[in-house]
Amino acid sequence: MYWYYKWPLIIILLLLGVGICSFLWRSCVAPAIVDDDSASGKKTEQVAGSNVSTPVTPQAGNNTATTMPAQPDSPTPATVVTPSSPVAVGITQLLNAANGQMLADKPLAARELARRALTSPGVVEFDQTWWRAATIINQANTIFMNSAAPCPEKQPYVIRSGDSLSRIAGQFHSSVGAIQRLNELSRTNPIIHPGNALQLLTGNWSIRVSKSQFALLLYLNNDLFRIFRVGIGRQDRTPVGTFAITSKIVHPAWTPPGKNIPYGDPENILGTHWMGLTPTGSTSQALRGYGIHGTWEPESIGTAASAGCIRMRNEEVEELYDFIPMPLDNAPQVPVTIFE
């Protein structure tokens, strides 16, 4: 065969062989590779703006969690507040506005804004946001309890002929000290005149004491009203449970076992005021002798240093003492809950 016949024939045969191999590859081998990838569990993710598929790689670690879609009957998850979430931003705005109102000497407006923040979804008692809101509420109510500044909880009383502060206090389950504070009256020589109006803070008081937070929370009509820092018993001596304030004493004597140490004695640790606690409900009746009292050691506030009682700064226990009604037959006892 001549060369000009042989070489064209070889080229044709080569092209024919390449075509046959390509056909066999596409028909048999390539589908098998795709099936192997699918069977191996690999997934692809479409990249936006292109036709390129990229593998989705599981995160490192042996405990990779798979997020399942929510089922129709699944409970609604609790609101999670993160610093950048709309709820958190809204709460921050409320608290910033409340601070602004306090600086503008508008405690009532500040308190209302702080209360809205305190009761917002996701705010947990004693978290940072709760403390910030509660602090503003405490500042506002400190003003209301120690001045004639108006608030919805106060009601006017017109003094009648023959009235006295003690008579008015008994009628409204209050105290002379509270009326003096609310109306900026002299503590030593308060004078009232018939026809004048007094402001009285009315409602039901209750107290909660958190041992872990070293905090006494005072409520009026179930609304947080004041917060006081306290000291508690060393070695976990402060009991938990429910109690009621059943006695009030100014300048108390201290009566540890076998002793009677009068007020003013350097060994008397009770400070200026005492409010005795009596167990209630399912709390053991053996838990008697505890109380809320002052201290001559203000540095012990915020620590576990007492023999088991709740101790407060003298000036603060005096303020609390003034607003807790005397536990008489016709006055409701103030409940106290102590918890961890």
C-alpha atoms as a PDB file:
ATOM      1  CA  MET A   1       0.000   0.000   0.000  1.00  0.00           C
ATOM      2  CA  TYR A   2       1.281   3.341  -0.921  1.00  0.00           C
ATOM      3  CA  TRP A   3       2.092   5.830   1.811  1.00  0.00           C
ATOM      4  CA  TYR A   4      -0.478   8.316   0.608  1.00  0.00           C
ATOM      5  CA  TYR A   5      -3.167   5.704   1.266  1.00  0.00           C
ATOM      6  CA  LYS A   6      -1.778   4.333   4.543  1.00  0.00           C
ATOM      7  CA  TRP A   7      -1.441   7.527   6.631  1.00  0.00           C
ATOM      8  CA  PRO A   8      -4.919   8.923   5.968  1.00  0.00           C
ATOM      9  CA  LEU A   9      -6.389   5.546   6.879  1.00  0.00           C
ATOM     10  CA  ILE A  10      -4.417   5.479  10.172  1.00  0.00           C
ATOM     11  CA  ILE A  11      -5.645   8.981  11.080  1.00  0.00           C
ATOM     12  CA  ILE A  12      -9.251   7.996  10.374  1.00  0.00           C
ATOM     13  CA  LEU A  13      -8.934   4.878  12.548  1.00  0.00           C
ATOM     14  CA  LEU A  14      -7.425   6.931  15.411  1.00  0.00           C
ATOM     15  CA  LEU A  15     -10.245   9.473  15.317  1.00  0.00           C
ATOM     16  CA  LEU A  16     -12.793   6.663  15.249  1.00  0.00           C
ATOM     17  CA  GLY A  17     -11.135   5.046  18.300  1.00  0.00           C
ATOM     18  CA  VAL A  18     -11.133   8.320  20.261  1.00  0.00           C
ATOM     19  CA  GLY A  19     -14.835   8.803  19.513  1.00  0.00           C
ATOM     20  CA  ILE A  20     -15.721   5.296  20.654  1.00  0.00           C
ATOM     21  CA  CYS A  21     -13.738   5.719  23.925  1.00  0.00           C
ATOM     22  CA  SER A  22     -15.411   9.061  24.652  1.00  0.00           C
ATOM     23  CA  PHE A  23     -18.852   7.521  24.097  1.00  0.00           C
ATOM     24  CA  LEU A  24     -18.088   4.612  26.417  1.00  0.00           C
ATOM     25  CA  TRP A  25     -16.758   7.011  29.136  1.00  0.00           C
ATOM     26  CA  ARG A  26     -19.895   9.142  29.133  1.00  0.00           C
ATOM     27  CA  SER A  27     -22.217   6.161  29.064  1.00  0.00           C
ATOM     28  CA  CYS A  28     -20.666   3.960  31.732  1.00  0.00           C
ATOM     29  CA  VAL A  29     -17.858   5.413  33.807  1.00  0.00           C
ATOM     30  CA  ALA A  30     -19.057   9.000  34.524  1.00  0.00           C
ATOM     31  CA  PRO A  31     -22.528   8.009  35.914  1.00  0.00           C
ATOM     32  CA  ALA A  32     -20.866   5.552  38.255  1.00  0.00           C
ATOM     33  CA  ILE A  33     -18.680   8.333  39.699  1.00  0.00           C
ATOM     34  CA  VAL A  34     -21.710  10.581  40.284  1.00  0.00           C
ATOM     35  CA  ASP A  35     -23.567   7.743  41.983  1.00  0.00           C
ATOM     36  CA  ASP A  36     -20.577   7.064  44.209  1.00  0.00           C
ATOM     37  CA  ASP A  37     -20.532  10.706  45.364  1.00  0.00           C
ATOM     38  CA  SER A  38     -24.234  10.588  46.142  1.00  0.00           C
ATOM     39  CA  ALA A  39     -23.930   7.338  48.030  1.00  0.00           C
ATOM     40  CA  SER A  40     -21.061   8.696  50.114  1.00  0.00           C
ATOM     41  CA  GLY A  41     -23.363  11.339  51.670  1.00  0.00           C
ATOM     42  CA  LYS A  42     -21.628  14.383  50.155  1.00  0.00           C
ATOM     43  CA  LYS A  43     -23.906  17.390  49.654  1.00  0.00           C
ATOM     44  CA  THR A  44     -23.438  20.363  47.399  1.00  0.00           C
ATOM     45  CA  GLU A  45     -24.293  23.983  47.916  1.00  0.00           C
ATOM     46  CA  GLN A  46     -25.059  26.286  45.040  1.00  0.00           C
ATOM     47  CA  VAL A  47     -22.927  29.420  45.089  1.00  0.00           C
ATOM     48  CA  ALA A  48     -24.976  32.506  44.403  1.00  0.00           C
ATOM     49  CA  GLY A  49     -24.305  34.057  41.035  1.00  0.00           C
ATOM     50  CA  SER A  50     -22.573  31.017  39.530  1.00  0.00           C
ATOM     51  CA  ASN A  51     -23.125  27.454  38.515  1.00  0.00           C
ATOM     52  CA  VAL A  52     -20.314  26.115  40.690  1.00  0.00           C
ATOM     53  CA  SER A  53     -21.204  23.620  43.417  1.00  0.00           C
ATOM     54  CA  THR A  54     -19.126  23.527  46.589  1.00  0.00           C
ATOM     55  CA  PRO A  55     -19.151  20.828  49.273  1.00  0.00           C
ATOM     56  CA  VAL A  56     -20.804  21.497  52.649  1.00  0.00           C
ATOM     57  CA  THR A  57     -18.286  20.385  55.253  1.00  0.00           C
ATOM     58  CA  PRO A  58     -19.497  19.451  58.780  1.00  0.00           C
ATOM     59  CA  GLN A  59     -17.941  21.410  61.631  1.00  0.00           C
ATOM     60  CA  ALA A  60     -15.004  19.780  63.355  1.00  0.00           C
ATOM     61  CA  GLY A  61     -15.685  17.626  66.374  1.00  0.00           C
ATOM     62  CA  ASN A  62     -17.421  14.399  67.214  1.00  0.00           C
ATOM     63  CA  ASN A  63     -20.594  16.008  68.629  1.00  0.00           C
ATOM     64  CA  THR A  64     -21.850  17.793  65.545  1.00  0.00           C
ATOM     65  CA  ALA A  65     -25.486  18.686  66.167  1.00  0.00           C
ATOM     66  CA  THR A  66     -28.079  18.558  63.453  1.00  0.00           C
ATOM     67  CA  THR A  67     -30.737  21.270  63.602  1.00  0.00           C
ATOM     68  CA  MET A  68     -34.109  19.732  62.889  1.00  0.00           C
ATOM     69  CA  PRO A  69     -36.986  21.793  61.537  1.00  0.00           C
ATOM     70  CA  ALA A  70     -39.540  22.844  64.146  1.00  0.00           C
ATOM     71  CA  GLN A  71     -42.492  20.497  64.386  1.00  0.00           C
ATOM     72  CA  PRO A  72     -45.999  21.963  64.230  1.00  0.00           C
ATOM     73  CA  ASP A  73     -46.759  20.876  67.800  1.00  0.00           C
ATOM     74  CA  SER A  74     -43.415  21.918  69.295  1.00  0.00           C
ATOM     75  CA  PRO A  75     -43.589  24.489  72.127  1.00  0.00           C
ATOM     76  CA  THR A  76     -42.569  28.034  71.295  1.00  0.00           C
ATOM     77  CA  PRO A  77     -38.977  28.596  72.454  1.00  0.00           C
ATOM     78  CA  ALA A  78     -38.312  31.213  75.133  1.00  0.00           C
ATOM     79  CA  THR A  79     -37.242  34.646  73.993  1.00  0.00           C
ATOM     80  CA  VAL A  80     -33.468  34.911  73.938  1.00  0.00           C
ATOM     81  CA  VAL A  81     -32.205  38.442  74.410  1.00  0.00           C
ATOM     82  CA  THR A  82     -28.813  39.125  72.862  1.00  0.00           C
ATOM     83  CA  PRO A  83     -27.106  42.523  72.991  1.00  0.00           C
ATOM     84  CA  SER A  84     -27.914  43.198  69.333  1.00  0.00           C
ATOM     85  CA  SER A  85     -31.456  41.804  69.259  1.00  0.00           C
ATOM     86  CA  PRO A  86     -34.362  44.219  68.716  1.00  0.00           C
ATOM     87  CA  VAL A  87     -35.703  43.400  72.198  1.00  0.00           C
ATOM     88  CA  ALA A  88     -32.361  44.217  73.848  1.00  0.00           C
ATOM     89  CA  VAL A  89     -32.024  47.418  71.854  1.00  0.00           C
ATOM     90  CA  GLY A  90     -35.518  48.441  72.934  1.00  0.00           C
ATOM     91  CA  ILE A  91     -34.732  47.718  76.598  1.00  0.00           C
ATOM     92  CA  THR A  92     -31.511  49.716  76.385  1.00  0.00           C
ATOM     93  CA  GLN A  93     -33.416  52.640  74.906  1.00  0.00           C
ATOM     94  CA  LEU A  94     -35.945  52.464  77.754  1.00  0.00           C
ATOM     95  CA  LEU A  95     -33.205  52.466  80.380  1.00  0.00           C
ATOM     96  CA  ASN A  96     -31.316  55.303  78.705  1.00  0.00           C
ATOM     97  CA  ALA A  97     -34.535  57.308  78.620  1.00  0.00           C
ATOM     98  CA  ALA A  98     -35.171  56.466  82.289  1.00  0.00           C
ATOM     99  CA  ASN A  99     -31.714  57.734  83.226  1.00  0.00           C
ATOM    100  CA  GLY A 100     -32.434  60.908  81.311  1.00  0.00           C
ATOM    101  CA  GLN A 101     -35.660  61.426  83.236  1.00  0.00           C
ATOM    102  CA  MET A 102     -33.843  60.945  86.545  1.00  0.00           C
ATOM    103  CA  LEU A 103     -31.251  63.532  85.531  1.00  0.00           C
ATOM    104  CA  ALA A 104     -34.115  65.867  84.630  1.00  0.00           C
ATOM    105  CA  ASP A 105     -35.534  65.392  88.154  1.00  0.00           C
ATOM    106  CA  LYS A 106     -38.587  63.507  86.893  1.00  0.00           C
ATOM    107  CA  PRO A 107     -38.566  60.373  89.073  1.00  0.00           C
ATOM    108  CA  LEU A 108     -42.094  59.232  88.220  1.00  0.00           C
ATOM    109  CA  ALA A 109     -41.421  59.182  84.472  1.00  0.00           C
ATOM    110  CA  ALA A 110     -38.081  57.484  85.106  1.00  0.00           C
ATOM    111  CA  ARG A 111     -39.713  54.804  87.252  1.00  0.00           C
ATOM    112  CA  GLU A 112     -42.365  53.991  84.666  1.00  0.00           C
ATOM    113  CA  LEU A 113     -39.756  53.552  81.928  1.00  0.00           C
ATOM    114  CA  ALA A 114     -37.600  51.379  84.194  1.00  0.00           C
ATOM    115  CA  ARG A 115     -40.593  49.221  85.119  1.00  0.00           C
ATOM    116  CA  ARG A 116     -41.288  48.611  81.441  1.00  0.00           C
ATOM    117  CA  ALA A 117     -37.693  47.499  80.990  1.00  0.00           C
ATOM    118  CA  LEU A 118     -37.799  45.320  84.110  1.00  0.00           C
ATOM    119  CA  THR A 119     -40.851  43.415  82.872  1.00  0.00           C
ATOM    120  CA  SER A 120     -39.701  43.087  79.251  1.00  0.00           C
ATOM    121  CA  PRO A 121     -39.445  39.576  77.738  1.00  0.00           C
ATOM    122  CA  GLY A 122     -36.074  37.982  78.313  1.00  0.00           C
ATOM    123  CA  VAL A 123     -35.111  40.032  81.380  1.00  0.00           C
ATOM    124  CA  VAL A 124     -34.183  37.625  84.181  1.00  0.00           C
ATOM    125  CA  GLU A 125     -34.175  38.540  87.860  1.00  0.00           C
ATOM    126  CA  PHE A 126     -30.695  39.582  89.002  1.00  0.00           C
ATOM    127  CA  ASP A 127     -29.170  39.691  85.527  1.00  0.00           C
ATOM    128  CA  GLN A 128     -27.333  42.850  84.449  1.00  0.00           C
ATOM    129  CA  THR A 129     -30.349  44.418  82.760  1.00  0.00           C
ATOM    130  CA  TRP A 130     -32.588  43.616  85.729  1.00  0.00           C
ATOM    131  CA  TRP A 131     -30.159  45.295  88.125  1.00  0.00           C
ATOM    132  CA  ARG A 132     -29.933  48.390  85.968  1.00  0.00           C
ATOM    133  CA  ALA A 133     -33.724  48.760  85.812  1.00  0.00           C
ATOM    134  CA  ALA A 134     -34.171  47.922  89.496  1.00  0.00           C
ATOM    135  CA  THR A 135     -31.573  50.504  90.490  1.00  0.00           C
ATOM    136  CA  ILE A 136     -33.499  53.261  88.716  1.00  0.00           C
ATOM    137  CA  ILE A 137     -36.740  52.119  90.371  1.00  0.00           C
ATOM    138  CA  ASN A 138     -34.975  52.146  93.729  1.00  0.00           C
ATOM    139  CA  GLN A 139     -33.646  55.665  93.173  1.00  0.00           C
ATOM    140  CA  ALA A 140     -37.071  56.997  92.191  1.00  0.00           C
ATOM    141  CA  ASN A 141     -38.893  55.376  95.101  1.00  0.00           C
ATOM    142  CA  THR A 142     -36.271  56.574  97.568  1.00  0.00           C
ATOM    143  CA  ILE A 143     -37.345  60.080  96.569  1.00  0.00           C
ATOM    144  CA  PHE A 144     -41.049  59.242  96.960  1.00  0.00           C
ATOM    145  CA  MET A 145     -40.528  57.677 100.402  1.00  0.00           C
ATOM    146  CA  ASN A 146     -38.546  60.616 101.749  1.00  0.00           C
ATOM    147  CA  SER A 147     -40.277  63.662 100.300  1.00  0.00           C
ATOM    148  CA  ALA A 148     -43.630  65.084  99.277  1.00  0.00           C
ATOM    149  CA  ALA A 149     -42.966  64.243  95.614  1.00  0.00           C
ATOM    150  CA  PRO A 150     -46.197  62.791  94.173  1.00  0.00           C
ATOM    151  CA  CYS A 151     -46.671  59.228  92.955  1.00  0.00           C
ATOM    152  CA  PRO A 152     -49.821  57.135  92.313  1.00  0.00           C
ATOM    153  CA  GLU A 153     -49.366  55.091  95.511  1.00  0.00           C
ATOM    154  CA  LYS A 154     -49.774  58.179  97.687  1.00  0.00           C
ATOM    155  CA  GLN A 155     -53.182  59.384  98.769  1.00  0.00           C
ATOM    156  CA  PRO A 156     -54.076  62.691 100.410  1.00  0.00           C
ATOM    157  CA  TYR A 157     -55.590  62.918 103.857  1.00  0.00           C
ATOM    158  CA  VAL A 158     -57.094  66.148 105.178  1.00  0.00           C
ATOM    159  CA  ILE A 159     -56.221  66.676 108.832  1.00  0.00           C
ATOM    160  CA  ARG A 160     -59.221  66.903 111.134  1.00  0.00           C
ATOM    161  CA  SER A 161     -59.611  68.565 114.489  1.00  0.00           C
ATOM    162  CA  GLY A 162     -58.291  66.259 117.209  1.00  0.00           C
ATOM    163  CA  ASP A 163     -56.043  64.293 114.839  1.00  0.00           C
ATOM    164  CA  SER A 164     -52.516  63.310 115.759  1.00  0.00           C
ATOM    165  CA  LEU A 165     -49.822  61.634 113.729  1.00  0.00           C
ATOM    166  CA  SER A 166     -50.094  58.443 115.775  1.00  0.00           C
ATOM    167  CA  ARG A 167     -53.870  58.322 115.293  1.00  0.00           C
ATOM    168  CA  ILE A 168     -53.571  58.842 111.538  1.00  0.00           C
ATOM    169  CA  ALA A 169     -50.787  56.252 111.344  1.00  0.00           C
ATOM    170  CA  GLY A 170     -52.916  53.662 113.147  1.00  0.00           C
ATOM    171  CA  GLN A 171     -55.904  54.370 110.930  1.00  0.00           C
ATOM    172  CA  PHE A 172     -53.912  53.768 107.741  1.00  0.00           C
ATOM    173  CA  HIS A 173     -51.593  50.986 109.003  1.00  0.00           C
ATOM    174  CA  SER A 174     -48.605  53.291 108.734  1.00  0.00           C
ATOM    175  CA  SER A 175     -46.230  54.851 111.267  1.00  0.00           C
ATOM    176  CA  VAL A 176     -45.426  58.308 112.559  1.00  0.00           C
ATOM    177  CA  GLY A 177     -41.960  58.010 111.028  1.00  0.00           C
ATOM    178  CA  ALA A 178     -43.390  57.223 107.595  1.00  0.00           C
ATOM    179  CA  ILE A 179     -45.760  60.205 107.706  1.00  0.00           C
ATOM    180  CA  GLN A 180     -42.893  62.454 108.742  1.00  0.00           C
ATOM    181  CA  ARG A 181     -40.755  61.227 105.846  1.00  0.00           C
ATOM    182  CA  LEU A 182     -43.544  61.504 103.267  1.00  0.00           C
ATOM    183  CA  ASN A 183     -44.444  65.046 104.270  1.00  0.00           C
ATOM    184  CA  GLU A 184     -41.003  66.383 105.185  1.00  0.00           C
ATOM    185  CA  LEU A 185     -42.086  67.040 108.759  1.00  0.00           C
ATOM    186  CA  SER A 186     -39.684  67.674 111.602  1.00  0.00           C
ATOM    187  CA  ARG A 187     -38.525  64.460 113.267  1.00  0.00           C
ATOM    188  CA  THR A 188     -38.283  66.116 116.688  1.00  0.00           C
ATOM    189  CA  ASN A 189     -41.278  68.465 116.765  1.00  0.00           C
ATOM    190  CA  PRO A 190     -43.773  67.704 113.979  1.00  0.00           C
ATOM    191  CA  ILE A 191     -46.681  70.146 113.892  1.00  0.00           C
ATOM    192  CA  ILE A 192     -49.899  69.549 111.935  1.00  0.00           C
ATOM    193  CA  HIS A 193     -52.913  71.817 111.467  1.00  0.00           C
ATOM    194  CA  PRO A 194     -56.560  70.915 110.778  1.00  0.00           C
ATOM    195  CA  GLY A 195     -57.477  71.518 107.173  1.00  0.00           C
ATOM    196  CA  ASN A 196     -53.996  70.822 105.853  1.00  0.00           C
ATOM    197  CA  ALA A 197     -53.418  67.767 103.691  1.00  0.00           C
ATOM    198  CA  LEU A 198     -50.966  64.977 104.382  1.00  0.00           C
ATOM    199  CA  GLN A 199     -49.653  62.449 101.875  1.00  0.00           C
ATOM    200  CA  LEU A 200     -49.897  58.791 102.910  1.00  0.00           C
ATOM    201  CA  LEU A 201     -48.271  55.838 101.172  1.00  0.00           C
ATOM    202  CA  THR A 202     -50.872  53.080 101.177  1.00  0.00           C
ATOM    203  CA  GLY A 203     -50.856  49.469 100.038  1.00  0.00           C
ATOM    204  CA  ASN A 204     -49.618  46.029 101.040  1.00  0.00           C
ATOM    205  CA  TRP A 205     -45.931  45.557 101.749  1.00  0.00           C
ATOM    206  CA  SER A 206     -43.980  42.333 101.315  1.00  0.00           C
ATOM    207  CA  ILE A 207     -40.306  41.418 101.497  1.00  0.00           C
ATOM    208  CA  ARG A 208     -38.056  38.923  99.727  1.00  0.00           C
ATOM    209  CA  VAL A 209     -34.468  38.303 100.786  1.00  0.00           C
ATOM    210  CA  SER A 210     -31.973  36.743  98.376  1.00  0.00           C
ATOM    211  CA  LYS A 211     -29.063  35.182 100.247  1.00  0.00           C
ATOM    212  CA  SER A 212     -26.935  34.725  97.142  1.00  0.00           C
ATOM    213  CA  GLN A 213     -27.400  38.355  96.099  1.00  0.00           C
ATOM    214  CA  PHE A 214     -27.178  39.820  99.618  1.00  0.00           C
ATOM    215  CA  ALA A 215     -30.293  41.792  98.747  1.00  0.00           C
ATOM    216  CA  LEU A 216     -33.550  42.649 100.499  1.00  0.00           C
ATOM    217  CA  LEU A 217     -36.323  43.422  98.021  1.00  0.00           C
ATOM    218  CA  LEU A 218     -39.243  45.503  99.279  1.00  0.00           C
ATOM    219  CA  TYR A 219     -42.511  45.268  97.339  1.00  0.00           C
ATOM    220  CA  LEU A 220     -45.596  47.453  97.439  1.00  0.00           C
ATOM    221  CA  ASN A 221     -48.713  45.794  96.003  1.00  0.00           C
ATOM    222  CA  ASN A 222     -46.457  43.154  94.388  1.00  0.00           C
ATOM    223  CA  ASP A 223     -44.386  45.784  92.538  1.00  0.00           C
ATOM    224  CA  LEU A 224     -40.679  46.062  93.281  1.00  0.00           C
ATOM    225  CA  PHE A 225     -40.288  49.257  95.303  1.00  0.00           C
ATOM    226  CA  ARG A 226     -36.905  49.304  97.030  1.00  0.00           C
ATOM    227  CA  ILE A 227     -33.671  47.318  97.170  1.00  0.00           C
ATOM    228  CA  PHE A 228     -31.368  47.223 100.190  1.00  0.00           C
ATOM    229  CA  ARG A 229     -27.978  45.546 100.431  1.00  0.00           C
ATOM    230  CA  VAL A 230     -27.792  43.239 103.450  1.00  0.00           C
ATOM    231  CA  GLY A 231     -25.526  40.889 105.336  1.00  0.00           C
ATOM    232  CA  ILE A 232     -26.507  37.299 106.133  1.00  0.00           C
ATOM    233  CA  GLY A 233     -25.449  34.522 108.486  1.00  0.00           C
ATOM    234  CA  ARG A 234     -22.026  32.968 108.286  1.00  0.00           C
ATOM    235  CA  GLN A 235     -21.741  29.233 107.669  1.00  0.00           C
ATOM    236  CA  ASP A 236     -25.190  29.223 106.014  1.00  0.00           C
ATOM    237  CA  ARG A 237     -26.899  30.089 109.319  1.00  0.00           C
ATOM    238  CA  THR A 238     -29.638  32.198 107.733  1.00  0.00           C
ATOM    239  CA  PRO A 239     -32.618  29.875 107.163  1.00  0.00           C
ATOM    240  CA  VAL A 240     -34.756  29.837 104.041  1.00  0.00           C
ATOM    241  CA  GLY A 241     -38.528  29.817 104.280  1.00  0.00           C
ATOM    242  CA  THR A 242     -41.530  32.052 104.849  1.00  0.00           C
ATOM    243  CA  PHE A 243     -41.881  34.359 107.820  1.00  0.00           C
ATOM    244  CA  ALA A 244     -43.857  37.370 109.034  1.00  0.00           C
ATOM    245  CA  ILE A 245     -42.726  40.483 110.866  1.00  0.00           C
ATOM    246  CA  THR A 246     -44.381  40.195 114.280  1.00  0.00           C
ATOM    247  CA  SER A 247     -42.435  42.677 116.405  1.00  0.00           C
ATOM    248  CA  LYS A 248     -40.707  46.041 116.040  1.00  0.00           C
ATOM    249  CA  ILE A 249     -38.255  47.505 118.544  1.00  0.00           C
ATOM    250  CA  VAL A 250     -36.265  50.742 118.555  1.00  0.00           C
ATOM    251  CA  HIS A 251     -32.902  50.535 120.352  1.00  0.00           C
ATOM    252  CA  PRO A 252     -33.181  46.785 120.968  1.00  0.00           C
ATOM    253  CA  ALA A 253     -31.370  44.816 123.633  1.00  0.00           C
ATOM    254  CA  TRP A 254     -29.480  41.758 122.424  1.00  0.00           C
ATOM    255  CA  THR A 255     -30.361  38.553 124.224  1.00  0.00           C
ATOM    256  CA  PRO A 256     -28.074  35.730 123.131  1.00  0.00           C
ATOM    257  CA  PRO A 257     -28.335  32.535 125.228  1.00  0.00           C
ATOM    258  CA  GLY A 258     -27.718  33.377 128.865  1.00  0.00           C
ATOM    259  CA  LYS A 259     -27.174  37.098 128.299  1.00  0.00           C
ATOM    260  CA  ASN A 260     -29.090  40.366 128.112  1.00  0.00           C
ATOM    261  CA  ILE A 261     -26.925  43.048 126.523  1.00  0.00           C
ATOM    262  CA  PRO A 262     -28.622  46.469 126.528  1.00  0.00           C
ATOM    263  CA  TYR A 263     -28.688  48.905 123.647  1.00  0.00           C
ATOM    264  CA  GLY A 264     -25.580  51.066 123.645  1.00  0.00           C
ATOM    265  CA  ASP A 265     -23.325  48.371 125.045  1.00  0.00           C
ATOM    266  CA  PRO A 266     -20.330  47.809 122.735  1.00  0.00           C
ATOM    267  CA  GLU A 267     -21.172  44.094 122.677  1.00  0.00           C
ATOM    268  CA  ASN A 268     -24.707  44.729 121.372  1.00  0.00           C
ATOM    269  CA  ILE A 269     -24.571  43.961 117.643  1.00  0.00           C
ATOM    270  CA  LEU A 270     -28.185  44.714 116.684  1.00  0.00           C
ATOM    271  CA  GLY A 271     -27.793  48.318 115.630  1.00  0.00           C
ATOM    272  CA  THR A 272     -30.595  50.845 116.079  1.00  0.00           C
ATOM    273  CA  HIS A 273     -33.716  48.900 115.051  1.00  0.00           C
ATOM    274  CA  TRP A 274     -35.084  45.351 115.183  1.00  0.00           C
ATOM    275  CA  MET A 275     -37.931  43.630 113.318  1.00  0.00           C
ATOM    276  CA  GLY A 276     -38.613  40.132 114.617  1.00  0.00           C
ATOM    277  CA  LEU A 277     -39.517  37.244 112.307  1.00  0.00           C
ATOM    278  CA  THR A 278     -41.942  34.405 113.071  1.00  0.00           C
ATOM    279  CA  PRO A 279     -42.108  31.296 110.823  1.00  0.00           C
ATOM    280  CA  THR A 280     -45.270  30.857 108.742  1.00  0.00           C
ATOM    281  CA  GLY A 281     -46.732  28.163 106.512  1.00  0.00           C
ATOM    282  CA  SER A 282     -44.639  25.016 106.193  1.00  0.00           C
ATOM    283  CA  THR A 283     -41.510  26.659 107.631  1.00  0.00           C
ATOM    284  CA  SER A 284     -40.388  24.964 110.845  1.00  0.00           C
ATOM    285  CA  GLN A 285     -41.672  26.683 113.967  1.00  0.00           C
ATOM    286  CA  ALA A 286     -38.301  25.962 115.537  1.00  0.00           C
ATOM    287  CA  LEU A 287     -36.806  28.746 113.397  1.00  0.00           C
ATOM    288  CA  ARG A 288     -37.514  31.490 115.903  1.00  0.00           C
ATOM    289  CA  GLY A 289     -35.291  34.256 117.170  1.00  0.00           C
ATOM    290  CA  TYR A 290     -34.323  35.539 113.738  1.00  0.00           C
ATOM    291  CA  GLY A 291     -34.906  39.105 112.648  1.00  0.00           C
ATOM    292  CA  ILE A 292     -33.978  42.038 110.445  1.00  0.00           C
ATOM    293  CA  HIS A 293     -31.782  44.530 112.291  1.00  0.00           C
ATOM    294  CA  GLY A 294     -29.138  47.216 111.969  1.00  0.00           C
ATOM    295  CA  THR A 295     -25.413  46.897 112.493  1.00  0.00           C
ATOM    296  CA  TRP A 296     -22.477  48.841 113.869  1.00  0.00           C
ATOM    297  CA  GLU A 297     -20.292  47.169 111.240  1.00  0.00           C
ATOM    298  CA  PRO A 298     -21.395  48.602 107.867  1.00  0.00           C
ATOM    299  CA  GLU A 299     -18.419  46.916 106.210  1.00  0.00           C
ATOM    300  CA  SER A 300     -20.125  43.566 106.875  1.00  0.00           C
ATOM    301  CA  ILE A 301     -22.977  44.415 104.492  1.00  0.00           C
ATOM    302  CA  GLY A 302     -22.710  42.217 101.419  1.00  0.00           C
ATOM    303  CA  THR A 303     -21.009  39.426 103.359  1.00  0.00           C
ATOM    304  CA  ALA A 304     -21.954  36.355 105.380  1.00  0.00           C
ATOM    305  CA  ALA A 305     -20.942  37.511 108.846  1.00  0.00           C
ATOM    306  CA  SER A 306     -23.970  37.484 111.166  1.00  0.00           C
ATOM    307  CA  ALA A 307     -25.184  34.806 113.551  1.00  0.00           C
ATOM    308  CA  GLY A 308     -28.094  34.136 111.182  1.00  0.00           C
ATOM    309  CA  CYS A 309     -30.155  37.334 111.093  1.00  0.00           C
ATOM    310  CA  ILE A 310     -30.532  39.745 108.184  1.00  0.00           C
ATOM    311  CA  ARG A 311     -28.466  42.834 108.948  1.00  0.00           C
ATOM    312  CA  MET A 312     -28.757  46.257 107.312  1.00  0.00           C
ATOM    313  CA  ARG A 313     -27.054  49.627 107.592  1.00  0.00           C
ATOM    314  CA  ASN A 314     -28.576  51.551 110.495  1.00  0.00           C
ATOM    315  CA  GLU A 315     -29.892  54.408 108.357  1.00  0.00           C
ATOM    316  CA  GLU A 316     -31.524  51.950 105.955  1.00  0.00           C
ATOM    317  CA  VAL A 317     -33.096  49.683 108.563  1.00  0.00           C
ATOM    318  CA  GLU A 318     -34.548  52.833 110.159  1.00  0.00           C
ATOM    319  CA  GLU A 319     -36.149  53.771 106.843  1.00  0.00           C
ATOM    320  CA  LEU A 320     -37.547  50.268 106.320  1.00  0.00           C
ATOM    321  CA  TYR A 321     -38.741  50.188 109.931  1.00  0.00           C
ATOM    322  CA  ASP A 322     -40.748  53.397 109.417  1.00  0.00           C
ATOM    323  CA  PHE A 323     -42.776  51.947 106.539  1.00  0.00           C
ATOM    324  CA  ILE A 324     -43.452  48.496 107.969  1.00  0.00           C
ATOM    325  CA  PRO A 325     -46.747  48.757 109.890  1.00  0.00           C
ATOM    326  CA  MET A 326     -46.795  47.870 113.552  1.00  0.00           C
ATOM    327  CA  PRO A 327     -48.077  44.256 113.703  1.00  0.00           C
ATOM    328  CA  LEU A 328     -51.248  44.968 115.653  1.00  0.00           C
ATOM    329  CA  ASP A 329     -54.475  42.957 115.619  1.00  0.00           C
ATOM    330  CA  ASN A 330     -56.048  45.013 112.822  1.00  0.00           C
ATOM    331  CA  ALA A 331     -52.911  45.496 110.729  1.00  0.00           C
ATOM    332  CA  PRO A 332     -51.827  42.960 108.116  1.00  0.00           C
ATOM    333  CA  GLN A 333     -48.547  41.246 108.913  1.00  0.00           C
ATOM    334  CA  VAL A 334     -45.789  41.857 106.392  1.00  0.00           C
ATOM    335  CA  PRO A 335     -44.710  38.541 104.823  1.00  0.00           C
ATOM    336  CA  VAL A 336     -40.999  37.835 104.409  1.00  0.00           C
ATOM    337  CA  THR A 337     -39.603  35.144 102.115  1.00  0.00           C
ATOM    338  CA  ILE A 338     -35.944  34.175 102.449  1.00  0.00           C
ATOM    339  CA  PHE A 339     -34.490  32.184  99.568  1.00  0.00           C
ATOM    340  CA  GLU A 340     -31.124  31.182  98.254  1.00  0.00           C
END
